[in-house]
Amino acid sequence: MPTGTATPDTTTLEVEDGILHWTNEDFFISVKEAKGVKRHVENALGRVDGILVDNTGAGGTWPTEIDEVWGKLMQNIYG
């Protein structure tokens, strides 16, 4: 994980065989933590062939302010 990025303890981000494995164990994270995850994913985009997101360990839904961060991330991924 890059230094200077605040990411939640309940999120794992690892690159293996050209795939970014992003695992979430909890949907209750701060906007600052979500932005840290977003930066990490964006930094990995040029080095990976795909992203696998696993939310099976997290229950509920993302808070609205976190959905906004993920929406911006999706724009960058698909842009």
C-alpha atoms as a PDB file:
ATOM      1  CA  MET A   1       0.000   0.000   0.000  1.00  0.00           C
ATOM      2  CA  PRO A   2       1.420   3.432  -0.871  1.00  0.00           C
ATOM      3  CA  THR A   3       2.599   5.538   2.026  1.00  0.00           C
ATOM      4  CA  GLY A   4       0.567   8.595   2.921  1.00  0.00           C
ATOM      5  CA  THR A   5      -2.792   7.014   2.178  1.00  0.00           C
ATOM      6  CA  ALA A   6      -5.260   6.359   4.946  1.00  0.00           C
ATOM      7  CA  THR A   7      -7.004   3.060   4.311  1.00  0.00           C
ATOM      8  CA  PRO A   8      -9.261   1.168   6.687  1.00  0.00           C
ATOM      9  CA  ASP A   9      -8.034  -1.872   8.598  1.00  0.00           C
ATOM     10  CA  THR A  10     -11.054  -3.704   7.176  1.00  0.00           C
ATOM     11  CA  THR A  11      -9.870  -3.305   3.565  1.00  0.00           C
ATOM     12  CA  THR A  12      -7.229  -5.416   1.852  1.00  0.00           C
ATOM     13  CA  LEU A  13      -5.678  -4.411  -1.469  1.00  0.00           C
ATOM     14  CA  GLU A  14      -3.215  -6.831  -3.062  1.00  0.00           C
ATOM     15  CA  VAL A  15      -1.973  -7.345  -6.619  1.00  0.00           C
ATOM     16  CA  GLU A  16      -1.507 -10.953  -7.661  1.00  0.00           C
ATOM     17  CA  ASP A  17      -0.981 -12.247 -11.199  1.00  0.00           C
ATOM     18  CA  GLY A  18      -2.021  -8.925 -12.734  1.00  0.00           C
ATOM     19  CA  ILE A  19      -5.276  -8.709 -10.754  1.00  0.00           C
ATOM     20  CA  LEU A  20      -5.971  -6.200  -7.984  1.00  0.00           C
ATOM     21  CA  HIS A  21      -7.813  -8.094  -5.241  1.00  0.00           C
ATOM     22  CA  TRP A  22      -9.842  -5.605  -3.190  1.00  0.00           C
ATOM     23  CA  THR A  23     -11.539  -7.123  -0.143  1.00  0.00           C
ATOM     24  CA  ASN A  24     -13.899  -5.216   2.162  1.00  0.00           C
ATOM     25  CA  GLU A  25     -14.883  -6.616   5.555  1.00  0.00           C
ATOM     26  CA  ASP A  26     -16.959  -3.598   6.620  1.00  0.00           C
ATOM     27  CA  PHE A  27     -18.948  -0.876   4.844  1.00  0.00           C
ATOM     28  CA  PHE A  28     -18.550   1.642   7.659  1.00  0.00           C
ATOM     29  CA  ILE A  29     -15.405   3.554   6.724  1.00  0.00           C
ATOM     30  CA  SER A  30     -14.594   7.249   6.657  1.00  0.00           C
ATOM     31  CA  VAL A  31     -14.484   9.385   3.524  1.00  0.00           C
ATOM     32  CA  LYS A  32     -10.750   9.869   4.150  1.00  0.00           C
ATOM     33  CA  GLU A  33     -10.272   6.083   4.183  1.00  0.00           C
ATOM     34  CA  ALA A  34     -12.379   5.683   1.028  1.00  0.00           C
ATOM     35  CA  LYS A  35     -10.250   8.297  -0.724  1.00  0.00           C
ATOM     36  CA  GLY A  36      -7.131   6.382   0.373  1.00  0.00           C
ATOM     37  CA  VAL A  37      -8.536   3.204  -1.188  1.00  0.00           C
ATOM     38  CA  LYS A  38      -9.453   5.184  -4.323  1.00  0.00           C
ATOM     39  CA  ARG A  39      -5.881   6.512  -4.649  1.00  0.00           C
ATOM     40  CA  HIS A  40      -4.435   3.032  -4.197  1.00  0.00           C
ATOM     41  CA  VAL A  41      -6.727   1.564  -6.867  1.00  0.00           C
ATOM     42  CA  GLU A  42      -5.994   4.424  -9.280  1.00  0.00           C
ATOM     43  CA  ASN A  43      -2.245   3.979  -8.735  1.00  0.00           C
ATOM     44  CA  ALA A  44      -2.564   0.292  -9.592  1.00  0.00           C
ATOM     45  CA  LEU A  45      -4.601   0.789 -12.790  1.00  0.00           C
ATOM     46  CA  GLY A  46      -1.615   0.926 -15.143  1.00  0.00           C
ATOM     47  CA  ARG A  47      -0.104  -2.223 -13.615  1.00  0.00           C
ATOM     48  CA  VAL A  48      -3.100  -4.560 -13.523  1.00  0.00           C
ATOM     49  CA  ASP A  49      -5.313  -6.280 -16.060  1.00  0.00           C
ATOM     50  CA  GLY A  50      -8.370  -6.358 -13.820  1.00  0.00           C
ATOM     51  CA  ILE A  51      -9.903  -5.654 -10.440  1.00  0.00           C
ATOM     52  CA  LEU A  52     -11.737  -8.187  -8.294  1.00  0.00           C
ATOM     53  CA  VAL A  53     -13.825  -6.672  -5.496  1.00  0.00           C
ATOM     54  CA  ASP A  54     -14.969  -9.005  -2.710  1.00  0.00           C
ATOM     55  CA  ASN A  55     -17.628  -7.590  -0.386  1.00  0.00           C
ATOM     56  CA  THR A  56     -18.875 -10.955   0.916  1.00  0.00           C
ATOM     57  CA  GLY A  57     -17.524 -10.291   4.417  1.00  0.00           C
ATOM     58  CA  ALA A  58     -19.263  -6.906   4.689  1.00  0.00           C
ATOM     59  CA  GLY A  59     -22.940  -6.522   5.456  1.00  0.00           C
ATOM     60  CA  GLY A  60     -25.298  -3.687   4.604  1.00  0.00           C
ATOM     61  CA  THR A  61     -24.586  -0.906   2.132  1.00  0.00           C
ATOM     62  CA  TRP A  62     -22.033   1.839   1.670  1.00  0.00           C
ATOM     63  CA  PRO A  63     -23.014   5.205   3.193  1.00  0.00           C
ATOM     64  CA  THR A  64     -23.991   7.822   0.578  1.00  0.00           C
ATOM     65  CA  GLU A  65     -20.790   9.843   0.974  1.00  0.00           C
ATOM     66  CA  ILE A  66     -18.711   6.706   0.336  1.00  0.00           C
ATOM     67  CA  ASP A  67     -20.805   5.835  -2.742  1.00  0.00           C
ATOM     68  CA  GLU A  68     -19.833   9.237  -4.139  1.00  0.00           C
ATOM     69  CA  VAL A  69     -16.123   8.362  -3.803  1.00  0.00           C
ATOM     70  CA  TRP A  70     -16.688   4.974  -5.485  1.00  0.00           C
ATOM     71  CA  GLY A  71     -18.654   6.687  -8.288  1.00  0.00           C
ATOM     72  CA  LYS A  72     -15.660   8.932  -9.034  1.00  0.00           C
ATOM     73  CA  LEU A  73     -13.382   5.901  -8.943  1.00  0.00           C
ATOM     74  CA  MET A  74     -15.607   4.043 -11.428  1.00  0.00           C
ATOM     75  CA  GLN A  75     -15.488   7.054 -13.772  1.00  0.00           C
ATOM     76  CA  ASN A  76     -11.676   6.913 -13.675  1.00  0.00           C
ATOM     77  CA  ILE A  77     -11.606   3.156 -14.231  1.00  0.00           C
ATOM     78  CA  TYR A  78     -13.966   3.244 -17.201  1.00  0.00           C
ATOM     79  CA  GLY A  79     -12.591   6.561 -18.574  1.00  0.00           C
END
